[in-house]
Amino acid sequence: MTTFVLIHGGGGSAFDWHLLEAELHGRGHETVAVDLPMSDPQAGLWDYADAVVRAVGEHRRPVVVAHSWGGFVGPLVCMRIKAAALVLVTAMIPSPGETPDDWWARSGRPSSGIDDNYELCLHDVPHELAERVLAHDGALAEKMSMERAVREPWPLAAWPDVPTKYLLCRDDRLFPPDFVRRHVKERLGIIPDEMPGSHMVMLSRPGQLADYLGQVLP
């Protein structure tokens, strides 16, 4: 049995993980899905990480799973706790001193040219489910105020000493595969694992994602 700590992306919430949580529970694992303090304009990156650490509580050697913008937070969590592994799911990979706002240009991520959020991030998610998620996260986004976090330089001098995997989603339109392969090689020096799915793969393919996560540890 493994505990998976689930960190959502920017504009998301812990609700994004509910289907994956059910799949992991069915496989005998435990989960901790955390709402990041995105409504607090004074919260910085370490505050986000500490919110996750508090939620982890007494769970020992969890696997930290960070999605999208959560890639700025997952490594910080691994500096606070003894994590068994860090899994980046179609996530941003920060460099020392880089702000989340600056990542978009510095990483070379190409523009998608897609304005519709469903077509960009949830195009393979059933419409009814996507509408529920967008409504839920949209209500939270109205209160979002990330002024400090998005402009704060990533505080680590180097990547934490934790086994790290990256999962690329081949149907992702926000972070397309060719960009991600280059980004992962440049910043982590590893080859990403790959599976089908959009940017919100935890909603479109929760079972397949659960199978992948279940094999992260030997």
C-alpha atoms as a PDB file:
ATOM      1  CA  MET A   1       0.000   0.000   0.000  1.00  0.00           C
ATOM      2  CA  THR A   2       1.277   3.433  -0.997  1.00  0.00           C
ATOM      3  CA  THR A   3       0.105   6.912  -0.053  1.00  0.00           C
ATOM      4  CA  PHE A   4      -0.152   9.259  -3.022  1.00  0.00           C
ATOM      5  CA  VAL A   5      -0.056  12.994  -2.338  1.00  0.00           C
ATOM      6  CA  LEU A   6      -1.895  14.744  -5.176  1.00  0.00           C
ATOM      7  CA  ILE A   7      -1.069  18.368  -6.038  1.00  0.00           C
ATOM      8  CA  HIS A   8      -3.358  20.082  -8.541  1.00  0.00           C
ATOM      9  CA  GLY A   9      -2.436  22.612 -11.205  1.00  0.00           C
ATOM     10  CA  GLY A  10      -3.089  26.336 -11.494  1.00  0.00           C
ATOM     11  CA  GLY A  11      -6.790  27.159 -11.568  1.00  0.00           C
ATOM     12  CA  GLY A  12      -7.583  23.643 -10.388  1.00  0.00           C
ATOM     13  CA  SER A  13      -8.523  22.054  -7.095  1.00  0.00           C
ATOM     14  CA  ALA A  14      -8.359  18.803  -5.164  1.00  0.00           C
ATOM     15  CA  PHE A  15     -11.673  17.891  -6.842  1.00  0.00           C
ATOM     16  CA  ASP A  16      -9.754  17.311 -10.080  1.00  0.00           C
ATOM     17  CA  TRP A  17      -8.365  14.112  -8.564  1.00  0.00           C
ATOM     18  CA  HIS A  18     -11.614  12.497  -7.376  1.00  0.00           C
ATOM     19  CA  LEU A  19     -11.811   9.829 -10.092  1.00  0.00           C
ATOM     20  CA  LEU A  20      -8.144   8.923  -9.716  1.00  0.00           C
ATOM     21  CA  GLU A  21      -8.560   8.732  -5.945  1.00  0.00           C
ATOM     22  CA  ALA A  22     -11.371   6.216  -6.350  1.00  0.00           C
ATOM     23  CA  GLU A  23      -9.209   4.121  -8.676  1.00  0.00           C
ATOM     24  CA  LEU A  24      -6.251   4.188  -6.292  1.00  0.00           C
ATOM     25  CA  HIS A  25      -8.431   3.337  -3.293  1.00  0.00           C
ATOM     26  CA  GLY A  26      -9.790   0.385  -5.224  1.00  0.00           C
ATOM     27  CA  ARG A  27      -6.226  -0.838  -5.655  1.00  0.00           C
ATOM     28  CA  GLY A  28      -5.575  -0.642  -1.911  1.00  0.00           C
ATOM     29  CA  HIS A  29      -3.713   2.671  -1.813  1.00  0.00           C
ATOM     30  CA  GLU A  30      -4.299   5.840   0.215  1.00  0.00           C
ATOM     31  CA  THR A  31      -4.517   9.366  -1.168  1.00  0.00           C
ATOM     32  CA  VAL A  32      -4.103  12.906   0.099  1.00  0.00           C
ATOM     33  CA  ALA A  33      -5.502  15.504  -2.319  1.00  0.00           C
ATOM     34  CA  VAL A  34      -4.765  19.068  -1.287  1.00  0.00           C
ATOM     35  CA  ASP A  35      -6.360  22.416  -2.136  1.00  0.00           C
ATOM     36  CA  LEU A  36      -3.509  24.895  -2.562  1.00  0.00           C
ATOM     37  CA  PRO A  37      -4.019  28.335  -0.942  1.00  0.00           C
ATOM     38  CA  MET A  38      -4.571  30.104  -4.265  1.00  0.00           C
ATOM     39  CA  SER A  39      -7.084  32.565  -2.816  1.00  0.00           C
ATOM     40  CA  ASP A  40      -4.433  34.109  -0.541  1.00  0.00           C
ATOM     41  CA  PRO A  41      -2.508  36.858  -2.377  1.00  0.00           C
ATOM     42  CA  GLN A  42       0.221  36.768   0.286  1.00  0.00           C
ATOM     43  CA  ALA A  43       0.866  33.033  -0.037  1.00  0.00           C
ATOM     44  CA  GLY A  44       4.230  32.226  -1.597  1.00  0.00           C
ATOM     45  CA  LEU A  45       5.589  28.997  -3.011  1.00  0.00           C
ATOM     46  CA  TRP A  46       6.778  27.733   0.357  1.00  0.00           C
ATOM     47  CA  ASP A  47       3.309  28.455   1.782  1.00  0.00           C
ATOM     48  CA  TYR A  48       1.832  26.252  -0.940  1.00  0.00           C
ATOM     49  CA  ALA A  49       4.304  23.497  -0.100  1.00  0.00           C
ATOM     50  CA  ASP A  50       3.625  23.791   3.617  1.00  0.00           C
ATOM     51  CA  ALA A  51      -0.127  23.437   3.005  1.00  0.00           C
ATOM     52  CA  VAL A  52       0.617  20.107   1.358  1.00  0.00           C
ATOM     53  CA  VAL A  53       2.948  19.036   4.154  1.00  0.00           C
ATOM     54  CA  ARG A  54       0.274  19.760   6.772  1.00  0.00           C
ATOM     55  CA  ALA A  55      -2.202  17.637   4.848  1.00  0.00           C
ATOM     56  CA  VAL A  56       0.285  14.763   4.628  1.00  0.00           C
ATOM     57  CA  GLY A  57       0.439  14.613   8.413  1.00  0.00           C
ATOM     58  CA  GLU A  58       1.688  11.261   9.679  1.00  0.00           C
ATOM     59  CA  HIS A  59       1.812   9.491   6.322  1.00  0.00           C
ATOM     60  CA  ARG A  60       5.299   8.081   5.805  1.00  0.00           C
ATOM     61  CA  ARG A  61       7.292   8.042   2.567  1.00  0.00           C
ATOM     62  CA  PRO A  62       4.451   9.013   0.234  1.00  0.00           C
ATOM     63  CA  VAL A  63       4.693   9.370  -3.516  1.00  0.00           C
ATOM     64  CA  VAL A  64       4.218  13.037  -4.408  1.00  0.00           C
ATOM     65  CA  VAL A  65       2.268  13.572  -7.644  1.00  0.00           C
ATOM     66  CA  ALA A  66       2.304  17.082  -9.114  1.00  0.00           C
ATOM     67  CA  HIS A  67       0.196  18.161 -12.090  1.00  0.00           C
ATOM     68  CA  SER A  68       0.838  21.112 -14.417  1.00  0.00           C
ATOM     69  CA  TRP A  69       1.527  24.285 -12.365  1.00  0.00           C
ATOM     70  CA  GLY A  70       1.951  21.992  -9.353  1.00  0.00           C
ATOM     71  CA  GLY A  71       5.394  21.197 -10.751  1.00  0.00           C
ATOM     72  CA  PHE A  72       6.576  24.344  -8.972  1.00  0.00           C
ATOM     73  CA  VAL A  73       5.275  22.977  -5.661  1.00  0.00           C
ATOM     74  CA  GLY A  74       6.007  19.230  -5.720  1.00  0.00           C
ATOM     75  CA  PRO A  75       9.812  19.524  -5.426  1.00  0.00           C
ATOM     76  CA  LEU A  76       9.432  21.919  -2.489  1.00  0.00           C
ATOM     77  CA  VAL A  77       7.225  19.395  -0.711  1.00  0.00           C
ATOM     78  CA  CYS A  78       9.958  16.808  -1.240  1.00  0.00           C
ATOM     79  CA  MET A  79      12.368  19.101   0.617  1.00  0.00           C
ATOM     80  CA  ARG A  80      10.031  19.119   3.620  1.00  0.00           C
ATOM     81  CA  ILE A  81       9.161  15.422   3.846  1.00  0.00           C
ATOM     82  CA  LYS A  82      10.841  12.101   3.095  1.00  0.00           C
ATOM     83  CA  ALA A  83       9.052  11.247  -0.119  1.00  0.00           C
ATOM     84  CA  ALA A  84       9.546   7.873  -1.783  1.00  0.00           C
ATOM     85  CA  ALA A  85       9.270   9.436  -5.240  1.00  0.00           C
ATOM     86  CA  LEU A  86       8.110  12.489  -7.150  1.00  0.00           C
ATOM     87  CA  VAL A  87       5.929  12.054 -10.230  1.00  0.00           C
ATOM     88  CA  LEU A  88       5.366  15.032 -12.517  1.00  0.00           C
ATOM     89  CA  VAL A  89       2.198  14.581 -14.569  1.00  0.00           C
ATOM     90  CA  THR A  90       2.347  16.815 -17.658  1.00  0.00           C
ATOM     91  CA  ALA A  91       3.867  19.413 -15.361  1.00  0.00           C
ATOM     92  CA  MET A  92       5.954  22.562 -15.514  1.00  0.00           C
ATOM     93  CA  ILE A  93       9.594  21.976 -14.532  1.00  0.00           C
ATOM     94  CA  PRO A  94      11.092  24.997 -12.770  1.00  0.00           C
ATOM     95  CA  SER A  95      14.696  26.134 -12.875  1.00  0.00           C
ATOM     96  CA  PRO A  96      16.396  27.790  -9.870  1.00  0.00           C
ATOM     97  CA  GLY A  97      15.346  31.425  -9.595  1.00  0.00           C
ATOM     98  CA  GLU A  98      12.656  31.156 -12.266  1.00  0.00           C
ATOM     99  CA  THR A  99       9.194  32.523 -11.492  1.00  0.00           C
ATOM    100  CA  PRO A 100       6.055  30.680 -12.608  1.00  0.00           C
ATOM    101  CA  ASP A 101       5.125  33.700 -14.725  1.00  0.00           C
ATOM    102  CA  ASP A 102       8.510  33.616 -16.480  1.00  0.00           C
ATOM    103  CA  TRP A 103       8.424  29.865 -17.117  1.00  0.00           C
ATOM    104  CA  TRP A 104       6.152  30.184 -20.145  1.00  0.00           C
ATOM    105  CA  ALA A 105       8.644  32.208 -22.177  1.00  0.00           C
ATOM    106  CA  ARG A 106      11.839  30.758 -20.710  1.00  0.00           C
ATOM    107  CA  SER A 107      10.782  27.155 -21.297  1.00  0.00           C
ATOM    108  CA  GLY A 108       9.981  27.785 -24.947  1.00  0.00           C
ATOM    109  CA  ARG A 109       6.493  26.346 -24.620  1.00  0.00           C
ATOM    110  CA  PRO A 110       4.721  27.009 -27.948  1.00  0.00           C
ATOM    111  CA  SER A 111       1.388  28.797 -28.111  1.00  0.00           C
ATOM    112  CA  SER A 112      -1.511  26.437 -28.770  1.00  0.00           C
ATOM    113  CA  GLY A 113      -3.693  29.027 -30.483  1.00  0.00           C
ATOM    114  CA  ILE A 114      -6.680  27.512 -28.637  1.00  0.00           C
ATOM    115  CA  ASP A 115      -8.782  29.816 -26.453  1.00  0.00           C
ATOM    116  CA  ASP A 116     -11.502  27.407 -25.316  1.00  0.00           C
ATOM    117  CA  ASN A 117     -10.541  25.727 -22.032  1.00  0.00           C
ATOM    118  CA  TYR A 118     -12.409  22.532 -22.834  1.00  0.00           C
ATOM    119  CA  GLU A 119     -10.701  22.129 -26.207  1.00  0.00           C
ATOM    120  CA  LEU A 120      -7.338  23.018 -24.718  1.00  0.00           C
ATOM    121  CA  CYS A 121      -7.285  20.869 -21.597  1.00  0.00           C
ATOM    122  CA  LEU A 122     -10.310  18.544 -21.408  1.00  0.00           C
ATOM    123  CA  HIS A 123     -11.116  17.576 -24.984  1.00  0.00           C
ATOM    124  CA  ASP A 124     -11.170  13.834 -24.201  1.00  0.00           C
ATOM    125  CA  VAL A 125     -13.163  14.206 -20.961  1.00  0.00           C
ATOM    126  CA  PRO A 126     -16.918  13.460 -21.155  1.00  0.00           C
ATOM    127  CA  HIS A 127     -18.777  16.761 -21.516  1.00  0.00           C
ATOM    128  CA  GLU A 128     -20.940  16.355 -18.412  1.00  0.00           C
ATOM    129  CA  LEU A 129     -17.931  15.604 -16.240  1.00  0.00           C
ATOM    130  CA  ALA A 130     -15.924  18.429 -17.805  1.00  0.00           C
ATOM    131  CA  GLU A 131     -18.758  20.877 -17.158  1.00  0.00           C
ATOM    132  CA  ARG A 132     -18.916  19.851 -13.495  1.00  0.00           C
ATOM    133  CA  VAL A 133     -15.171  20.263 -13.072  1.00  0.00           C
ATOM    134  CA  LEU A 134     -15.088  23.592 -14.884  1.00  0.00           C
ATOM    135  CA  ALA A 135     -17.990  24.884 -12.793  1.00  0.00           C
ATOM    136  CA  HIS A 136     -16.387  23.719  -9.543  1.00  0.00           C
ATOM    137  CA  ASP A 137     -12.912  25.030 -10.314  1.00  0.00           C
ATOM    138  CA  GLY A 138     -14.301  28.157 -11.960  1.00  0.00           C
ATOM    139  CA  ALA A 139     -16.086  29.133  -8.751  1.00  0.00           C
ATOM    140  CA  LEU A 140     -12.786  28.833  -6.905  1.00  0.00           C
ATOM    141  CA  ALA A 141     -10.930  30.691  -9.649  1.00  0.00           C
ATOM    142  CA  GLU A 142     -13.136  33.732  -9.046  1.00  0.00           C
ATOM    143  CA  LYS A 143     -11.491  33.959  -5.617  1.00  0.00           C
ATOM    144  CA  MET A 144      -8.006  33.190  -6.909  1.00  0.00           C
ATOM    145  CA  SER A 145      -5.340  35.724  -6.065  1.00  0.00           C
ATOM    146  CA  MET A 146      -1.856  34.343  -6.699  1.00  0.00           C
ATOM    147  CA  GLU A 147       0.022  37.648  -6.934  1.00  0.00           C
ATOM    148  CA  ARG A 148       2.984  36.603  -4.805  1.00  0.00           C
ATOM    149  CA  ALA A 149       3.247  32.956  -5.870  1.00  0.00           C
ATOM    150  CA  VAL A 150       3.390  33.544  -9.624  1.00  0.00           C
ATOM    151  CA  ARG A 151       6.052  36.247  -9.295  1.00  0.00           C
ATOM    152  CA  GLU A 152       8.209  34.551  -6.692  1.00  0.00           C
ATOM    153  CA  PRO A 153      11.492  32.984  -7.865  1.00  0.00           C
ATOM    154  CA  TRP A 154      11.621  29.234  -7.413  1.00  0.00           C
ATOM    155  CA  PRO A 155      13.707  28.979  -4.227  1.00  0.00           C
ATOM    156  CA  LEU A 156      15.727  25.779  -4.669  1.00  0.00           C
ATOM    157  CA  ALA A 157      19.316  25.855  -5.906  1.00  0.00           C
ATOM    158  CA  ALA A 158      18.997  22.338  -7.325  1.00  0.00           C
ATOM    159  CA  TRP A 159      16.442  19.574  -7.819  1.00  0.00           C
ATOM    160  CA  PRO A 160      15.715  17.648  -4.610  1.00  0.00           C
ATOM    161  CA  ASP A 161      17.413  14.293  -4.073  1.00  0.00           C
ATOM    162  CA  VAL A 162      14.328  12.185  -4.732  1.00  0.00           C
ATOM    163  CA  PRO A 163      13.608   9.630  -7.481  1.00  0.00           C
ATOM    164  CA  THR A 164      11.734  11.601 -10.126  1.00  0.00           C
ATOM    165  CA  LYS A 165       9.545  10.455 -12.991  1.00  0.00           C
ATOM    166  CA  TYR A 166       7.752  12.495 -15.632  1.00  0.00           C
ATOM    167  CA  LEU A 167       4.551  11.370 -17.352  1.00  0.00           C
ATOM    168  CA  LEU A 168       3.910  12.881 -20.771  1.00  0.00           C
ATOM    169  CA  CYS A 169       0.356  12.807 -22.138  1.00  0.00           C
ATOM    170  CA  ARG A 170       0.455  12.350 -25.893  1.00  0.00           C
ATOM    171  CA  ASP A 171      -2.862  14.153 -26.565  1.00  0.00           C
ATOM    172  CA  ASP A 172      -2.013  17.178 -24.420  1.00  0.00           C
ATOM    173  CA  ARG A 173      -2.668  20.425 -26.282  1.00  0.00           C
ATOM    174  CA  LEU A 174      -1.462  22.745 -23.518  1.00  0.00           C
ATOM    175  CA  PHE A 175       1.965  21.103 -23.211  1.00  0.00           C
ATOM    176  CA  PRO A 176       2.403  19.258 -26.526  1.00  0.00           C
ATOM    177  CA  PRO A 177       4.565  16.110 -26.681  1.00  0.00           C
ATOM    178  CA  ASP A 178       7.494  17.445 -28.736  1.00  0.00           C
ATOM    179  CA  PHE A 179       7.888  20.391 -26.373  1.00  0.00           C
ATOM    180  CA  VAL A 180       7.604  18.194 -23.279  1.00  0.00           C
ATOM    181  CA  ARG A 181      10.227  15.690 -24.458  1.00  0.00           C
ATOM    182  CA  ARG A 182      12.711  18.521 -24.986  1.00  0.00           C
ATOM    183  CA  HIS A 183      11.755  20.294 -21.753  1.00  0.00           C
ATOM    184  CA  VAL A 184      12.195  17.136 -19.660  1.00  0.00           C
ATOM    185  CA  LYS A 185      15.553  16.318 -21.233  1.00  0.00           C
ATOM    186  CA  GLU A 186      16.872  19.857 -20.785  1.00  0.00           C
ATOM    187  CA  ARG A 187      15.759  20.323 -17.196  1.00  0.00           C
ATOM    188  CA  LEU A 188      15.791  16.843 -15.670  1.00  0.00           C
ATOM    189  CA  GLY A 189      18.035  14.884 -18.001  1.00  0.00           C
ATOM    190  CA  ILE A 190      15.593  11.972 -18.150  1.00  0.00           C
ATOM    191  CA  ILE A 191      13.272  10.438 -20.733  1.00  0.00           C
ATOM    192  CA  PRO A 192       9.592  10.883 -19.856  1.00  0.00           C
ATOM    193  CA  ASP A 193       7.152   8.021 -19.655  1.00  0.00           C
ATOM    194  CA  GLU A 194       4.216   8.384 -22.040  1.00  0.00           C
ATOM    195  CA  MET A 195       0.545   7.514 -22.190  1.00  0.00           C
ATOM    196  CA  PRO A 196      -2.476   8.694 -24.181  1.00  0.00           C
ATOM    197  CA  GLY A 197      -4.611  11.473 -22.753  1.00  0.00           C
ATOM    198  CA  SER A 198      -5.206  15.194 -22.557  1.00  0.00           C
ATOM    199  CA  HIS A 199      -3.799  17.672 -20.063  1.00  0.00           C
ATOM    200  CA  MET A 200      -6.461  16.576 -17.558  1.00  0.00           C
ATOM    201  CA  VAL A 201      -5.620  12.897 -17.878  1.00  0.00           C
ATOM    202  CA  MET A 202      -6.715  12.195 -14.301  1.00  0.00           C
ATOM    203  CA  LEU A 203     -10.278  12.851 -15.492  1.00  0.00           C
ATOM    204  CA  SER A 204     -10.130  11.246 -18.936  1.00  0.00           C
ATOM    205  CA  ARG A 205      -8.112   8.122 -18.068  1.00  0.00           C
ATOM    206  CA  PRO A 206      -8.123   7.702 -14.269  1.00  0.00           C
ATOM    207  CA  GLY A 207      -7.787   3.928 -14.386  1.00  0.00           C
ATOM    208  CA  GLN A 208      -4.817   3.978 -16.700  1.00  0.00           C
ATOM    209  CA  LEU A 209      -3.164   6.709 -14.646  1.00  0.00           C
ATOM    210  CA  ALA A 210      -3.758   4.697 -11.459  1.00  0.00           C
ATOM    211  CA  ASP A 211      -2.125   1.676 -13.078  1.00  0.00           C
ATOM    212  CA  TYR A 212       0.898   3.799 -13.975  1.00  0.00           C
ATOM    213  CA  LEU A 213       1.235   5.277 -10.488  1.00  0.00           C
ATOM    214  CA  GLY A 214       0.880   1.865  -8.919  1.00  0.00           C
ATOM    215  CA  GLN A 215       4.063   0.792 -10.706  1.00  0.00           C
ATOM    216  CA  VAL A 216       6.176   3.795  -9.690  1.00  0.00           C
ATOM    217  CA  LEU A 217       7.650   2.025  -6.672  1.00  0.00           C
ATOM    218  CA  PRO A 218       9.334  -1.398  -6.994  1.00  0.00           C
END
